[in-house]
Protein backbone atom coordinates (compact mmCIF):
# COMPACT_ATOMS: atom_id res chain seq x y z
CA UNK A 1 7.09 121.16 78.48
CA UNK A 2 7.45 118.28 76.08
CA UNK A 3 5.83 114.89 76.50
CA UNK A 4 7.57 111.54 76.65
CA UNK A 5 5.11 109.75 74.35
CA UNK A 6 3.57 110.98 71.11
CA UNK A 7 1.20 109.38 68.62
CA UNK A 8 0.63 110.78 65.13
CA UNK A 9 -1.14 109.48 62.07
CA UNK A 10 1.10 108.64 59.14
CA UNK A 11 -0.42 108.18 55.71
CA UNK A 12 1.24 105.38 53.74
CA UNK A 13 0.84 105.93 50.00
CA UNK A 14 1.43 102.72 48.06
CA UNK A 15 2.76 103.35 44.55
CA UNK A 16 4.60 101.22 41.98
CA UNK A 17 7.98 102.61 43.02
CA UNK A 18 7.50 102.15 46.79
CA UNK A 19 5.76 103.61 49.79
CA UNK A 20 5.83 107.31 50.56
CA UNK A 21 4.94 108.32 54.10
CA UNK A 22 3.39 111.61 55.10
CA UNK A 23 2.54 112.94 58.56
CA UNK A 24 -0.27 115.44 57.85
CA UNK A 25 0.38 117.31 61.12
CA UNK A 26 4.16 117.50 60.66
CA UNK A 27 5.17 119.14 57.37
CA UNK A 28 8.61 118.03 56.25
CA UNK A 29 8.46 114.65 57.96
CA UNK A 30 8.28 112.50 54.84
CA UNK A 31 10.18 109.20 54.96
CA UNK A 32 9.76 106.47 52.36
CA UNK A 33 10.20 102.71 52.12
CA UNK A 34 9.99 99.67 49.87
CA UNK A 35 7.93 97.39 52.16
CA UNK A 36 5.27 97.90 54.82
CA UNK A 37 7.60 96.56 57.51
CA UNK A 38 10.30 99.03 56.48
CA UNK A 39 7.70 101.81 56.28
CA UNK A 40 6.65 101.19 59.88
CA UNK A 41 10.29 101.32 61.07
CA UNK A 42 11.13 104.38 58.98
CA UNK A 43 7.98 106.23 60.07
CA UNK A 44 8.75 105.65 63.74
CA UNK A 45 12.38 106.73 63.37
CA UNK A 46 11.46 109.80 61.30
CA UNK A 47 8.75 110.79 63.78
CA UNK A 48 11.15 110.62 66.71
CA UNK A 49 13.85 112.61 64.91
CA UNK A 50 11.38 115.19 63.66
CA UNK A 51 9.84 115.72 67.10
CA UNK A 52 13.30 115.92 68.70
CA UNK A 53 14.21 118.64 66.20
CA UNK A 54 11.03 120.55 67.03
CA UNK A 55 11.83 120.27 70.74
CA UNK A 56 15.37 121.57 70.16
CA UNK A 57 14.02 124.50 68.15
CA UNK A 58 11.42 125.29 70.83
CA UNK A 59 8.57 124.74 68.37
CA UNK A 60 5.06 123.96 69.51
CA UNK A 61 4.19 120.33 68.80
CA UNK A 62 0.65 120.20 67.36
CA UNK A 63 -2.19 118.05 68.54
CA UNK A 64 -2.56 115.07 66.20
CA UNK A 65 -5.41 114.93 63.73
CA UNK A 66 -7.85 112.07 64.26
CA UNK A 67 -7.74 109.31 61.64
CA UNK A 68 -11.43 109.76 60.76
CA UNK A 69 -10.80 113.45 59.91
CA UNK A 70 -8.41 112.56 57.06
CA UNK A 71 -9.38 112.46 53.40
CA UNK A 72 -7.57 109.56 51.78
CA UNK A 73 -7.07 108.32 48.26
CA UNK A 74 -7.54 104.72 47.15
CA UNK A 75 -3.82 103.84 47.50
CA UNK A 76 -3.44 105.42 50.96
CA UNK A 77 -3.61 103.75 54.37
CA UNK A 78 -3.62 105.70 57.65
CA UNK A 79 -1.37 104.23 60.34
CA UNK A 80 -0.98 105.39 63.92
CA UNK A 81 2.71 105.74 64.76
CA UNK A 82 3.77 106.03 68.39
CA UNK A 83 7.17 107.09 69.65
CA UNK A 84 8.59 107.05 73.18
CA UNK A 85 10.95 110.03 73.28
CA UNK A 86 13.36 109.34 76.20
CA UNK A 87 15.41 106.74 74.26
CA UNK A 88 15.34 108.97 71.15
CA UNK A 89 16.64 111.94 73.14
CA UNK A 90 19.30 109.83 74.86
CA UNK A 91 20.52 108.28 71.60
CA UNK A 92 20.85 111.67 69.90
CA UNK A 93 22.31 113.50 72.90
CA UNK A 94 24.93 110.82 73.54
CA UNK A 95 26.04 110.74 69.91
CA UNK A 96 29.71 111.55 69.61
CA UNK A 97 30.94 114.57 67.66
CA UNK A 98 34.46 114.96 66.39
CA UNK A 99 36.53 117.84 67.79
CA UNK A 100 40.01 118.76 66.67
CA UNK A 101 42.45 119.06 69.55
CA UNK A 102 45.95 120.54 69.36
CA UNK A 103 48.75 119.18 71.54
CA UNK A 104 52.50 119.75 71.52
CA UNK A 105 54.15 116.93 69.55
CA UNK A 106 56.19 115.75 72.54
CA UNK A 107 53.01 115.45 74.69
CA UNK A 108 51.15 113.57 71.98
CA UNK A 109 54.09 111.17 71.56
CA UNK A 110 54.30 110.54 75.32
CA UNK A 111 50.52 109.92 75.53
CA UNK A 112 50.73 107.46 72.63
CA UNK A 113 53.73 105.73 74.19
CA UNK A 114 51.81 105.28 77.45
CA UNK A 115 48.63 104.12 75.68
CA UNK A 116 46.56 107.10 76.82
CA UNK A 117 43.07 107.40 75.30
CA UNK A 118 43.11 111.16 74.71
CA UNK A 119 39.42 111.31 73.76
CA UNK A 120 38.33 109.67 77.01
CA UNK A 121 40.76 111.75 79.05
CA UNK A 122 39.49 114.96 77.42
CA UNK A 123 35.85 113.94 78.04
CA UNK A 124 36.53 113.27 81.72
CA UNK A 125 38.52 116.48 82.17
CA UNK A 126 35.86 118.56 80.40
CA UNK A 127 33.05 117.07 82.51
CA UNK A 128 35.05 117.75 85.68
CA UNK A 129 35.81 121.32 84.55
CA UNK A 130 32.10 121.94 83.80
CA UNK A 131 30.94 120.24 87.00
CA UNK A 132 28.96 117.60 85.14
CA UNK A 133 28.62 114.02 86.34
CA UNK A 134 28.53 111.16 83.85
CA UNK A 135 24.87 110.56 84.79
CA UNK A 136 23.98 114.16 83.91
CA UNK A 137 25.69 113.84 80.54
CA UNK A 138 23.06 111.33 79.40
CA UNK A 139 20.26 113.88 79.65
């Protein structure tokens, strides 16, 4: 089972062309930034997205390495980044995806004439068909 709150160490590497961010425990999670403020925001967002992807893939999320166990270079600063996953999961799961829908021309014209929101109507009909309430759809 996945946790709702995670904390991982990010290593901010300050170079002339900006800040690169590395999470030693999470290979592939490597955002970057121009300022420290932006680096903090980007690290948090990248951590949440990366962990969500691991959850979706059924991957084991590792235990974080302690800051004092890291070997750092002169231009590197360790920073503890914390993410609360429920809002991350909700934001991603409630993101809309585009689907192509085919209707007879006469039906499409009548729906337009009557001001029908076909996307909303299709969502409601699909949820009813699948037996899903609107509250369940946010999970």
